[in-house]
């Protein structure tokens, strides 16, 4: 995180040293009973509810956990995970039906000042797409860990396109340029 990503109010609060960090999490999930619509879950690492960014965020307190936020100078995918604890075991089936791989999730780092007011504006620390879910069942409650991958993970996905006439016809049906490639494979040219 660089200083240019933080607002002046956040920078001066950090310099003053009287801040309380808070993390906001927003995840998109399938809507119950409708496979084509989605709904948002908005939580923060506090108690009660808070309004920010025109939305209401529900406090998850100690039940909401966020993995360490890793910063890197390398060009590589850096994921994150969000852990929600204390879900009743009878609700886990409903929770699992709402999860869809590929739906977005975001986390922001915010600060409260000494009087408990949110300092404008929280910094978006990470965003990603839901990759996998790990569920730990307990006797009365369970823990769900949502693992998100950065969009750079797409760099590791192999592409199925080839330099062939058939492949070229997909995008350019009248292009004949690749029709001559097979005849060039074993062609011996003599340069004089």
N, C-alpha and C. Protein backbone atom coordinates (compact mmCIF):
# COMPACT_ATOMS: atom_id res chain seq x y z
N UNK A 1 0.85 -1.16 0.00
CA UNK A 1 0.00 0.00 0.00
C UNK A 1 0.90 1.22 0.00
N UNK A 2 0.61 2.15 -0.88
CA UNK A 2 1.38 3.38 -0.94
C UNK A 2 0.56 4.52 -0.36
N UNK A 3 1.23 5.59 0.00
CA UNK A 3 0.52 6.71 0.61
C UNK A 3 -0.43 7.38 -0.38
N UNK A 4 -0.20 7.24 -1.66
CA UNK A 4 -1.09 7.89 -2.61
C UNK A 4 -2.47 7.22 -2.65
N UNK A 5 -2.59 6.00 -2.10
CA UNK A 5 -3.87 5.30 -2.09
C UNK A 5 -4.74 5.69 -0.90
N UNK A 6 -4.17 6.36 0.08
CA UNK A 6 -4.91 6.74 1.28
C UNK A 6 -5.34 8.20 1.20
N UNK A 7 -6.50 8.49 1.78
CA UNK A 7 -6.96 9.87 1.79
C UNK A 7 -6.13 10.69 2.78
N UNK A 8 -6.20 11.98 2.64
CA UNK A 8 -5.46 12.87 3.54
C UNK A 8 -5.93 12.70 4.98
N UNK A 9 -7.23 12.48 5.16
CA UNK A 9 -7.76 12.29 6.51
C UNK A 9 -7.19 11.02 7.14
N UNK A 10 -7.07 9.95 6.36
CA UNK A 10 -6.49 8.71 6.90
C UNK A 10 -5.01 8.89 7.22
N UNK A 11 -4.28 9.56 6.35
CA UNK A 11 -2.85 9.78 6.60
C UNK A 11 -2.61 10.61 7.86
N UNK A 12 -3.41 11.66 8.05
CA UNK A 12 -3.21 12.49 9.24
C UNK A 12 -3.62 11.73 10.51
N UNK A 13 -4.64 10.87 10.42
CA UNK A 13 -5.05 10.07 11.58
C UNK A 13 -3.98 9.06 11.95
N UNK A 14 -3.34 8.46 10.94
CA UNK A 14 -2.26 7.51 11.20
C UNK A 14 -1.08 8.24 11.85
N UNK A 15 -0.77 9.42 11.35
CA UNK A 15 0.33 10.20 11.92
C UNK A 15 0.04 10.59 13.36
N UNK A 16 -1.22 10.86 13.68
CA UNK A 16 -1.60 11.22 15.06
C UNK A 16 -1.52 10.03 15.99
N UNK A 17 -1.69 8.81 15.45
CA UNK A 17 -1.54 7.61 16.24
C UNK A 17 -2.74 7.20 17.07
N UNK A 18 -3.88 7.82 16.86
CA UNK A 18 -5.07 7.45 17.63
C UNK A 18 -6.14 6.89 16.71
N UNK A 19 -5.88 5.73 16.16
CA UNK A 19 -6.83 5.11 15.24
C UNK A 19 -7.11 3.68 15.67
N UNK A 20 -8.26 3.20 15.25
CA UNK A 20 -8.63 1.80 15.46
C UNK A 20 -8.94 1.21 14.09
N UNK A 21 -8.20 0.19 13.66
CA UNK A 21 -8.44 -0.37 12.34
C UNK A 21 -9.73 -1.17 12.27
N UNK A 22 -10.34 -1.19 11.11
CA UNK A 22 -11.54 -1.95 10.85
C UNK A 22 -11.45 -2.49 9.43
N UNK A 23 -11.98 -3.68 9.21
CA UNK A 23 -11.97 -4.27 7.87
C UNK A 23 -13.41 -4.49 7.45
N UNK A 24 -13.71 -4.10 6.22
CA UNK A 24 -15.02 -4.29 5.62
C UNK A 24 -14.92 -5.40 4.59
N UNK A 25 -15.94 -6.24 4.55
CA UNK A 25 -16.01 -7.33 3.56
C UNK A 25 -17.34 -7.27 2.84
N UNK A 26 -17.28 -7.33 1.51
CA UNK A 26 -18.49 -7.40 0.70
C UNK A 26 -18.36 -8.60 -0.23
N UNK A 27 -19.31 -9.52 -0.14
CA UNK A 27 -19.31 -10.70 -0.99
C UNK A 27 -20.62 -10.82 -1.72
N UNK A 28 -20.53 -11.25 -2.97
CA UNK A 28 -21.74 -11.46 -3.78
C UNK A 28 -22.07 -12.94 -3.76
N UNK A 29 -23.33 -13.25 -3.51
CA UNK A 29 -23.80 -14.63 -3.41
C UNK A 29 -25.05 -14.80 -4.25
N UNK A 30 -25.36 -16.04 -4.60
CA UNK A 30 -26.61 -16.32 -5.30
C UNK A 30 -27.78 -16.03 -4.37
N UNK A 31 -28.86 -15.53 -4.93
CA UNK A 31 -30.06 -15.27 -4.13
C UNK A 31 -30.78 -16.58 -3.87
N UNK A 32 -31.31 -16.73 -2.68
CA UNK A 32 -32.03 -17.96 -2.32
C UNK A 32 -33.25 -18.14 -3.22
N UNK A 33 -33.35 -19.31 -3.82
CA UNK A 33 -34.48 -19.63 -4.68
C UNK A 33 -34.39 -19.11 -6.10
N UNK A 34 -33.33 -18.39 -6.45
CA UNK A 34 -33.20 -17.84 -7.80
C UNK A 34 -31.77 -18.02 -8.28
N UNK A 35 -31.53 -18.92 -9.23
CA UNK A 35 -30.16 -19.16 -9.68
C UNK A 35 -29.57 -18.04 -10.54
N UNK A 36 -30.41 -17.11 -11.01
CA UNK A 36 -29.90 -16.08 -11.91
C UNK A 36 -29.67 -14.74 -11.24
N UNK A 37 -30.21 -14.52 -10.04
CA UNK A 37 -30.01 -13.24 -9.36
C UNK A 37 -29.02 -13.41 -8.20
N UNK A 38 -28.43 -12.30 -7.79
CA UNK A 38 -27.45 -12.35 -6.72
C UNK A 38 -27.83 -11.35 -5.62
N UNK A 39 -27.21 -11.54 -4.48
CA UNK A 39 -27.39 -10.63 -3.35
C UNK A 39 -26.02 -10.39 -2.71
N UNK A 40 -25.92 -9.33 -1.93
CA UNK A 40 -24.65 -8.98 -1.30
C UNK A 40 -24.72 -9.21 0.20
N UNK A 41 -23.61 -9.67 0.74
CA UNK A 41 -23.42 -9.77 2.19
C UNK A 41 -22.33 -8.77 2.52
N UNK A 42 -22.65 -7.86 3.44
CA UNK A 42 -21.69 -6.82 3.83
C UNK A 42 -21.45 -6.91 5.34
N UNK A 43 -20.20 -7.21 5.70
CA UNK A 43 -19.82 -7.38 7.10
C UNK A 43 -18.62 -6.50 7.42
N UNK A 44 -18.45 -6.20 8.69
CA UNK A 44 -17.24 -5.50 9.13
C UNK A 44 -16.81 -6.08 10.46
N UNK A 45 -15.56 -5.82 10.83
CA UNK A 45 -14.97 -6.42 12.03
C UNK A 45 -15.29 -5.63 13.29
N UNK A 46 -16.51 -5.22 13.42
CA UNK A 46 -16.96 -4.50 14.60
C UNK A 46 -18.25 -5.10 15.11
N UNK A 47 -18.94 -4.36 15.96
CA UNK A 47 -20.19 -4.82 16.56
C UNK A 47 -21.29 -3.84 16.16
N UNK A 48 -22.49 -4.37 15.94
CA UNK A 48 -23.63 -3.53 15.57
C UNK A 48 -23.71 -3.38 14.06
N UNK A 49 -24.12 -2.19 13.62
CA UNK A 49 -24.17 -1.92 12.19
C UNK A 49 -23.63 -0.51 11.96
N UNK A 50 -23.18 -0.30 10.73
CA UNK A 50 -22.60 0.98 10.37
C UNK A 50 -22.99 1.28 8.92
N UNK A 51 -23.19 2.56 8.62
CA UNK A 51 -23.46 2.97 7.25
C UNK A 51 -22.20 3.57 6.67
N UNK A 52 -21.83 3.08 5.50
CA UNK A 52 -20.68 3.61 4.78
C UNK A 52 -20.89 3.32 3.30
N UNK A 53 -20.50 4.24 2.46
CA UNK A 53 -20.59 4.09 1.01
C UNK A 53 -22.04 3.89 0.56
N UNK A 54 -22.98 4.45 1.32
CA UNK A 54 -24.39 4.32 0.97
C UNK A 54 -24.97 2.94 1.24
N UNK A 55 -24.24 2.11 2.00
CA UNK A 55 -24.67 0.74 2.29
C UNK A 55 -24.60 0.50 3.79
N UNK A 56 -25.38 -0.46 4.26
CA UNK A 56 -25.36 -0.84 5.66
C UNK A 56 -24.50 -2.08 5.83
N UNK A 57 -23.56 -2.03 6.77
CA UNK A 57 -22.63 -3.12 7.04
C UNK A 57 -22.94 -3.68 8.42
N UNK A 58 -23.01 -5.00 8.51
CA UNK A 58 -23.32 -5.66 9.77
C UNK A 58 -22.04 -6.10 10.46
N UNK A 59 -21.99 -5.88 11.76
CA UNK A 59 -20.79 -6.25 12.51
C UNK A 59 -20.68 -7.75 12.69
N UNK A 60 -19.52 -8.27 12.37
CA UNK A 60 -19.24 -9.69 12.56
C UNK A 60 -18.40 -9.93 13.80
N UNK A 61 -17.85 -8.85 14.38
CA UNK A 61 -17.03 -8.96 15.59
C UNK A 61 -15.95 -10.00 15.46
N UNK A 62 -15.83 -10.86 16.47
CA UNK A 62 -14.81 -11.91 16.50
C UNK A 62 -15.14 -13.07 15.56
N UNK A 63 -16.37 -13.09 15.01
CA UNK A 63 -16.78 -14.20 14.14
C UNK A 63 -16.28 -14.02 12.70
N UNK A 64 -15.81 -12.83 12.37
CA UNK A 64 -15.32 -12.54 11.02
C UNK A 64 -13.80 -12.48 11.05
N UNK A 65 -13.16 -13.26 10.20
CA UNK A 65 -11.70 -13.26 10.12
C UNK A 65 -11.24 -13.04 8.69
N UNK A 66 -10.17 -12.30 8.54
CA UNK A 66 -9.59 -12.02 7.22
C UNK A 66 -8.14 -12.50 7.25
N UNK A 67 -7.72 -13.18 6.17
CA UNK A 67 -6.33 -13.63 6.10
C UNK A 67 -5.40 -12.42 6.00
N UNK A 68 -4.13 -12.58 6.33
CA UNK A 68 -3.20 -11.46 6.18
C UNK A 68 -3.19 -10.96 4.73
N UNK A 69 -3.11 -9.65 4.59
CA UNK A 69 -3.12 -9.03 3.26
C UNK A 69 -1.68 -8.91 2.80
N UNK A 70 -1.34 -9.65 1.79
CA UNK A 70 0.04 -9.68 1.29
C UNK A 70 0.19 -8.68 0.15
N UNK A 71 1.21 -7.87 0.23
CA UNK A 71 1.57 -6.95 -0.83
C UNK A 71 2.83 -7.48 -1.50
N UNK A 72 2.92 -7.34 -2.82
CA UNK A 72 4.07 -7.84 -3.54
C UNK A 72 4.40 -6.89 -4.70
N UNK A 73 5.66 -6.85 -5.06
CA UNK A 73 6.07 -6.07 -6.23
C UNK A 73 6.13 -6.94 -7.47
N UNK A 74 5.96 -8.24 -7.29
CA UNK A 74 5.97 -9.17 -8.42
C UNK A 74 4.60 -9.17 -9.11
N UNK A 75 4.61 -9.57 -10.37
CA UNK A 75 3.35 -9.71 -11.09
C UNK A 75 2.89 -11.14 -10.90
N UNK A 76 2.05 -11.34 -9.89
CA UNK A 76 1.51 -12.66 -9.60
C UNK A 76 0.21 -12.49 -8.84
N UNK A 77 -0.60 -13.54 -8.90
CA UNK A 77 -1.90 -13.51 -8.22
C UNK A 77 -1.70 -13.69 -6.72
N UNK A 78 -2.30 -12.82 -5.94
CA UNK A 78 -2.26 -12.91 -4.48
C UNK A 78 -3.71 -12.96 -4.00
N UNK A 79 -4.11 -14.09 -3.49
CA UNK A 79 -5.48 -14.26 -3.03
C UNK A 79 -5.65 -13.86 -1.58
N UNK A 80 -6.86 -14.00 -1.09
CA UNK A 80 -7.17 -13.75 0.31
C UNK A 80 -8.33 -14.64 0.70
N UNK A 81 -8.53 -14.79 2.00
CA UNK A 81 -9.66 -15.59 2.46
C UNK A 81 -10.41 -14.84 3.55
N UNK A 82 -11.69 -15.11 3.59
CA UNK A 82 -12.59 -14.54 4.59
C UNK A 82 -13.20 -15.70 5.35
N UNK A 83 -13.09 -15.68 6.67
CA UNK A 83 -13.60 -16.76 7.50
C UNK A 83 -14.78 -16.25 8.33
N UNK A 84 -15.87 -16.99 8.25
CA UNK A 84 -17.05 -16.65 9.04
C UNK A 84 -17.29 -17.82 10.00
N UNK A 85 -17.21 -17.54 11.28
CA UNK A 85 -17.36 -18.57 12.31
C UNK A 85 -18.73 -18.49 12.95
N UNK A 86 -19.09 -19.56 13.65
CA UNK A 86 -20.30 -19.55 14.45
C UNK A 86 -21.59 -19.78 13.69
N UNK A 87 -21.52 -20.27 12.45
CA UNK A 87 -22.75 -20.55 11.72
C UNK A 87 -23.41 -21.80 12.29
N UNK A 88 -24.70 -21.77 12.57
CA UNK A 88 -25.37 -22.98 13.07
C UNK A 88 -25.28 -24.11 12.05
N UNK A 89 -25.07 -25.32 12.53
CA UNK A 89 -24.90 -26.45 11.61
C UNK A 89 -26.14 -26.73 10.78
N UNK A 90 -27.32 -26.37 11.26
CA UNK A 90 -28.53 -26.60 10.47
C UNK A 90 -28.67 -25.60 9.33
N UNK A 91 -27.86 -24.53 9.30
CA UNK A 91 -27.91 -23.53 8.24
C UNK A 91 -26.81 -23.73 7.19
N UNK A 92 -25.93 -24.70 7.39
CA UNK A 92 -24.79 -24.85 6.48
C UNK A 92 -25.24 -25.26 5.07
N UNK A 93 -26.28 -26.07 4.96
CA UNK A 93 -26.77 -26.47 3.65
C UNK A 93 -27.28 -25.27 2.88
N UNK A 94 -28.02 -24.38 3.54
CA UNK A 94 -28.49 -23.16 2.89
C UNK A 94 -27.31 -22.29 2.47
N UNK A 95 -26.33 -22.15 3.35
CA UNK A 95 -25.17 -21.32 3.02
C UNK A 95 -24.42 -21.87 1.81
N UNK A 96 -24.28 -23.18 1.72
CA UNK A 96 -23.53 -23.78 0.61
C UNK A 96 -24.28 -23.62 -0.72
N UNK A 97 -25.61 -23.57 -0.71
CA UNK A 97 -26.36 -23.40 -1.95
C UNK A 97 -26.25 -21.97 -2.48
N UNK A 98 -25.88 -21.02 -1.63
CA UNK A 98 -25.77 -19.63 -2.06
C UNK A 98 -24.39 -19.29 -2.63
N UNK A 99 -23.41 -20.16 -2.42
CA UNK A 99 -22.05 -19.89 -2.88
C UNK A 99 -21.90 -20.28 -4.35
N UNK A 100 -21.30 -19.40 -5.14
CA UNK A 100 -21.04 -19.67 -6.55
C UNK A 100 -19.60 -19.30 -6.87
N UNK A 101 -18.90 -20.23 -7.45
CA UNK A 101 -17.52 -19.96 -7.84
C UNK A 101 -17.51 -18.86 -8.90
N UNK A 102 -16.58 -17.93 -8.75
CA UNK A 102 -16.43 -16.85 -9.71
C UNK A 102 -17.12 -15.56 -9.32
N UNK A 103 -17.96 -15.57 -8.27
CA UNK A 103 -18.60 -14.33 -7.85
C UNK A 103 -17.61 -13.47 -7.07
N UNK A 104 -17.72 -12.15 -7.18
CA UNK A 104 -16.71 -11.27 -6.59
C UNK A 104 -16.82 -11.09 -5.08
N UNK A 105 -15.69 -10.75 -4.49
CA UNK A 105 -15.59 -10.38 -3.09
C UNK A 105 -14.55 -9.28 -2.94
N UNK A 106 -14.75 -8.38 -1.99
CA UNK A 106 -13.83 -7.26 -1.78
C UNK A 106 -13.62 -7.04 -0.29
N UNK A 107 -12.44 -6.54 0.05
CA UNK A 107 -12.19 -6.11 1.42
C UNK A 107 -11.55 -4.72 1.40
N UNK A 108 -11.93 -3.93 2.39
CA UNK A 108 -11.40 -2.58 2.57
C UNK A 108 -10.80 -2.46 3.95
N UNK A 109 -9.77 -1.66 4.05
CA UNK A 109 -9.16 -1.33 5.33
C UNK A 109 -9.61 0.08 5.68
N UNK A 110 -10.24 0.21 6.84
CA UNK A 110 -10.70 1.51 7.29
C UNK A 110 -10.15 1.82 8.67
N UNK A 111 -10.40 3.02 9.12
CA UNK A 111 -9.93 3.47 10.43
C UNK A 111 -11.05 4.21 11.15
N UNK A 112 -11.19 3.94 12.44
CA UNK A 112 -12.06 4.73 13.31
C UNK A 112 -11.18 5.70 14.06
N UNK A 113 -11.68 6.92 14.29
CA UNK A 113 -10.91 7.87 15.08
C UNK A 113 -11.17 7.60 16.57
N UNK A 114 -10.61 8.43 17.43
CA UNK A 114 -10.71 8.22 18.87
C UNK A 114 -12.15 8.27 19.37
N UNK A 115 -13.03 8.99 18.68
CA UNK A 115 -14.43 9.07 19.11
C UNK A 115 -15.30 7.98 18.48
N UNK A 116 -14.71 7.09 17.68
CA UNK A 116 -15.46 5.98 17.10
C UNK A 116 -16.09 6.27 15.76
N UNK A 117 -15.75 7.40 15.15
CA UNK A 117 -16.28 7.74 13.83
C UNK A 117 -15.36 7.20 12.74
N UNK A 118 -15.96 6.75 11.63
CA UNK A 118 -15.19 6.22 10.51
C UNK A 118 -14.51 7.36 9.77
N UNK A 119 -13.22 7.21 9.55
CA UNK A 119 -12.44 8.22 8.83
C UNK A 119 -12.59 7.93 7.33
N UNK A 120 -12.90 8.97 6.56
CA UNK A 120 -13.10 8.80 5.12
C UNK A 120 -11.74 8.67 4.42
N UNK A 121 -11.65 7.93 3.44
CA UNK A 121 -12.45 6.83 2.94
C UNK A 121 -11.64 5.56 3.07
N UNK A 122 -12.25 4.44 3.46
CA UNK A 122 -11.50 3.19 3.56
C UNK A 122 -10.81 2.82 2.24
N UNK A 123 -9.69 2.16 2.39
CA UNK A 123 -8.84 1.77 1.25
C UNK A 123 -9.20 0.36 0.82
N UNK A 124 -9.50 0.18 -0.48
CA UNK A 124 -9.81 -1.17 -0.97
C UNK A 124 -8.50 -1.95 -1.04
N UNK A 125 -8.36 -2.89 -0.12
CA UNK A 125 -7.12 -3.65 0.00
C UNK A 125 -7.05 -4.81 -0.98
N UNK A 126 -8.16 -5.46 -1.23
CA UNK A 126 -8.17 -6.63 -2.11
C UNK A 126 -9.53 -6.78 -2.76
N UNK A 127 -9.51 -7.41 -3.92
CA UNK A 127 -10.72 -7.84 -4.61
C UNK A 127 -10.38 -9.12 -5.34
N UNK A 128 -11.35 -9.97 -5.49
CA UNK A 128 -11.10 -11.23 -6.17
C UNK A 128 -12.39 -11.95 -6.47
N UNK A 129 -12.23 -13.13 -7.05
CA UNK A 129 -13.37 -13.99 -7.38
C UNK A 129 -13.31 -15.22 -6.50
N UNK A 130 -14.48 -15.67 -6.04
CA UNK A 130 -14.55 -16.83 -5.17
C UNK A 130 -13.99 -18.05 -5.90
N UNK A 131 -13.01 -18.68 -5.27
CA UNK A 131 -12.37 -19.84 -5.87
C UNK A 131 -12.86 -21.12 -5.23
N UNK A 132 -12.73 -21.23 -3.91
CA UNK A 132 -13.19 -22.43 -3.23
C UNK A 132 -13.62 -22.11 -1.81
N UNK A 133 -14.35 -23.06 -1.24
CA UNK A 133 -14.90 -22.90 0.10
C UNK A 133 -14.45 -24.08 0.95
N UNK A 134 -13.96 -23.79 2.15
CA UNK A 134 -13.57 -24.83 3.10
C UNK A 134 -14.50 -24.73 4.30
N UNK A 135 -15.16 -25.84 4.64
CA UNK A 135 -16.11 -25.87 5.75
C UNK A 135 -15.56 -26.77 6.83
N UNK A 136 -15.53 -26.26 8.06
CA UNK A 136 -15.16 -27.07 9.22
C UNK A 136 -16.39 -27.21 10.09
N UNK A 137 -16.87 -28.44 10.20
CA UNK A 137 -18.08 -28.71 10.99
C UNK A 137 -17.73 -28.94 12.45
N UNK A 138 -18.51 -28.34 13.32
CA UNK A 138 -18.39 -28.56 14.75
C UNK A 138 -19.68 -29.16 15.28
N UNK A 139 -19.74 -29.47 16.56
CA UNK A 139 -20.95 -30.10 17.11
C UNK A 139 -22.18 -29.18 17.07
N UNK A 140 -21.99 -27.89 17.27
CA UNK A 140 -23.13 -26.97 17.29
C UNK A 140 -23.00 -25.85 16.27
N UNK A 141 -21.79 -25.53 15.87
CA UNK A 141 -21.56 -24.45 14.92
C UNK A 141 -20.43 -24.86 13.97
N UNK A 142 -20.35 -24.16 12.85
CA UNK A 142 -19.30 -24.47 11.89
C UNK A 142 -18.63 -23.19 11.42
N UNK A 143 -17.49 -23.37 10.75
CA UNK A 143 -16.71 -22.26 10.21
C UNK A 143 -16.62 -22.43 8.71
N UNK A 144 -16.86 -21.35 7.98
CA UNK A 144 -16.77 -21.36 6.52
C UNK A 144 -15.66 -20.41 6.11
N UNK A 145 -14.69 -20.92 5.36
CA UNK A 145 -13.59 -20.09 4.84
C UNK A 145 -13.79 -19.92 3.35
N UNK A 146 -14.00 -18.69 2.92
CA UNK A 146 -14.18 -18.36 1.51
C UNK A 146 -12.84 -17.91 0.96
N UNK A 147 -12.32 -18.63 -0.02
CA UNK A 147 -11.01 -18.30 -0.59
C UNK A 147 -11.20 -17.63 -1.94
N UNK A 148 -10.66 -16.43 -2.05
CA UNK A 148 -10.78 -15.62 -3.26
C UNK A 148 -9.43 -15.57 -3.98
N UNK A 149 -9.49 -15.53 -5.30
CA UNK A 149 -8.29 -15.41 -6.13
C UNK A 149 -8.31 -14.07 -6.84
N UNK A 150 -7.13 -13.50 -6.98
CA UNK A 150 -6.93 -12.26 -7.70
C UNK A 150 -7.19 -12.48 -9.19
N UNK A 151 -7.54 -11.42 -9.91
CA UNK A 151 -7.80 -11.59 -11.35
C UNK A 151 -6.54 -11.97 -12.12
N UNK A 152 -5.37 -11.77 -11.55
CA UNK A 152 -4.13 -12.17 -12.22
C UNK A 152 -3.99 -13.68 -12.33
N UNK A 153 -4.83 -14.44 -11.62
CA UNK A 153 -4.79 -15.89 -11.72
C UNK A 153 -5.10 -16.33 -13.15
N UNK A 154 -5.80 -15.47 -13.90
CA UNK A 154 -6.10 -15.79 -15.30
C UNK A 154 -4.84 -15.90 -16.15
N UNK A 155 -3.74 -15.29 -15.71
CA UNK A 155 -2.49 -15.41 -16.46
C UNK A 155 -1.97 -16.85 -16.47
N UNK A 156 -2.38 -17.64 -15.48
CA UNK A 156 -1.92 -19.02 -15.39
C UNK A 156 -2.82 -19.99 -16.14
N UNK A 157 -3.93 -19.50 -16.71
CA UNK A 157 -4.86 -20.35 -17.44
C UNK A 157 -4.35 -20.54 -18.87
N UNK A 158 -4.16 -21.79 -19.29
CA UNK A 158 -3.70 -22.01 -20.67
C UNK A 158 -4.78 -21.61 -21.67
N UNK A 159 -4.36 -21.09 -22.75
CA UNK A 159 -5.27 -20.68 -23.81
C UNK A 159 -5.35 -21.79 -24.84
N UNK A 160 -6.53 -22.06 -25.34
CA UNK A 160 -6.74 -23.16 -26.27
C UNK A 160 -6.70 -22.75 -27.73
N UNK A 161 -6.19 -21.58 -28.02
CA UNK A 161 -6.15 -21.11 -29.40
C UNK A 161 -4.84 -21.56 -30.06
N UNK A 162 -4.91 -21.81 -31.37
CA UNK A 162 -3.75 -22.26 -32.15
C UNK A 162 -3.60 -21.40 -33.40
N UNK A 163 -2.42 -21.44 -33.98
CA UNK A 163 -2.17 -20.74 -35.23
C UNK A 163 -2.45 -21.69 -36.38
N UNK A 164 -3.75 -21.99 -36.59
CA UNK A 164 -4.16 -22.87 -37.68
C UNK A 164 -5.24 -22.16 -38.48
N UNK A 165 -5.48 -22.68 -39.68
CA UNK A 165 -6.53 -22.11 -40.52
C UNK A 165 -7.89 -22.24 -39.86
N UNK A 166 -8.14 -23.38 -39.21
CA UNK A 166 -9.43 -23.60 -38.56
C UNK A 166 -9.65 -22.60 -37.43
N UNK A 167 -8.62 -22.34 -36.67
CA UNK A 167 -8.74 -21.39 -35.57
C UNK A 167 -8.93 -19.98 -36.09
N UNK A 168 -8.23 -19.63 -37.15
CA UNK A 168 -8.34 -18.30 -37.75
C UNK A 168 -9.74 -18.06 -38.29
N UNK A 169 -10.38 -19.10 -38.79
CA UNK A 169 -11.73 -18.98 -39.36
C UNK A 169 -12.77 -18.61 -38.31
N UNK A 170 -12.50 -18.88 -37.04
CA UNK A 170 -13.43 -18.53 -35.97
C UNK A 170 -13.64 -17.02 -35.92
N UNK A 171 -12.55 -16.28 -35.99
CA UNK A 171 -12.63 -14.83 -35.91
C UNK A 171 -12.74 -14.15 -37.27
N UNK A 172 -12.10 -14.73 -38.29
CA UNK A 172 -12.05 -14.12 -39.62
C UNK A 172 -12.40 -15.18 -40.67
N UNK A 173 -13.69 -15.37 -40.96
CA UNK A 173 -14.11 -16.47 -41.84
C UNK A 173 -13.55 -16.40 -43.26
N UNK A 174 -13.20 -15.24 -43.76
CA UNK A 174 -12.73 -15.12 -45.14
C UNK A 174 -11.21 -15.04 -45.26
N UNK A 175 -10.50 -15.12 -44.15
CA UNK A 175 -9.04 -15.02 -44.17
C UNK A 175 -8.43 -16.35 -44.60
N UNK A 176 -7.60 -16.32 -45.62
CA UNK A 176 -6.96 -17.54 -46.14
C UNK A 176 -5.47 -17.62 -45.80
N UNK A 177 -4.97 -16.70 -45.02
CA UNK A 177 -3.54 -16.62 -44.73
C UNK A 177 -2.97 -17.88 -44.11
N UNK A 178 -3.68 -18.51 -43.19
CA UNK A 178 -3.16 -19.71 -42.52
C UNK A 178 -3.36 -20.98 -43.35
N UNK A 179 -4.05 -20.88 -44.50
CA UNK A 179 -4.23 -22.06 -45.37
C UNK A 179 -2.89 -22.55 -45.91
N UNK A 180 -1.90 -21.67 -45.98
CA UNK A 180 -0.61 -22.02 -46.58
C UNK A 180 0.43 -22.49 -45.56
N UNK A 181 0.11 -22.39 -44.28
CA UNK A 181 1.07 -22.78 -43.24
C UNK A 181 1.47 -24.25 -43.32
N UNK A 182 0.55 -25.23 -43.51
CA UNK A 182 0.97 -26.64 -43.57
C UNK A 182 1.96 -26.93 -44.70
N UNK A 183 1.80 -26.25 -45.84
CA UNK A 183 2.73 -26.51 -46.95
C UNK A 183 4.12 -25.94 -46.67
N UNK A 184 4.24 -25.02 -45.72
CA UNK A 184 5.53 -24.43 -45.38
C UNK A 184 6.31 -25.27 -44.38
N UNK A 185 5.63 -26.22 -43.71
CA UNK A 185 6.27 -27.00 -42.66
C UNK A 185 7.50 -27.76 -43.14
N UNK A 186 7.40 -28.44 -44.27
CA UNK A 186 8.52 -29.27 -44.77
C UNK A 186 9.14 -28.67 -46.02
N UNK A 187 8.91 -27.42 -46.28
CA UNK A 187 9.44 -26.77 -47.48
C UNK A 187 10.93 -26.49 -47.31
N UNK A 188 11.71 -26.91 -48.26
CA UNK A 188 13.14 -26.61 -48.29
C UNK A 188 13.38 -25.50 -49.28
N UNK A 189 13.91 -24.42 -48.82
CA UNK A 189 14.23 -23.29 -49.68
C UNK A 189 15.74 -23.19 -49.84
N UNK A 190 16.15 -22.96 -51.05
CA UNK A 190 17.59 -22.81 -51.34
C UNK A 190 17.83 -21.35 -51.66
N UNK A 191 18.68 -20.75 -50.88
CA UNK A 191 19.01 -19.34 -51.07
C UNK A 191 20.34 -19.25 -51.82
N UNK A 192 20.34 -18.55 -52.90
CA UNK A 192 21.57 -18.40 -53.67
C UNK A 192 21.98 -16.95 -53.76
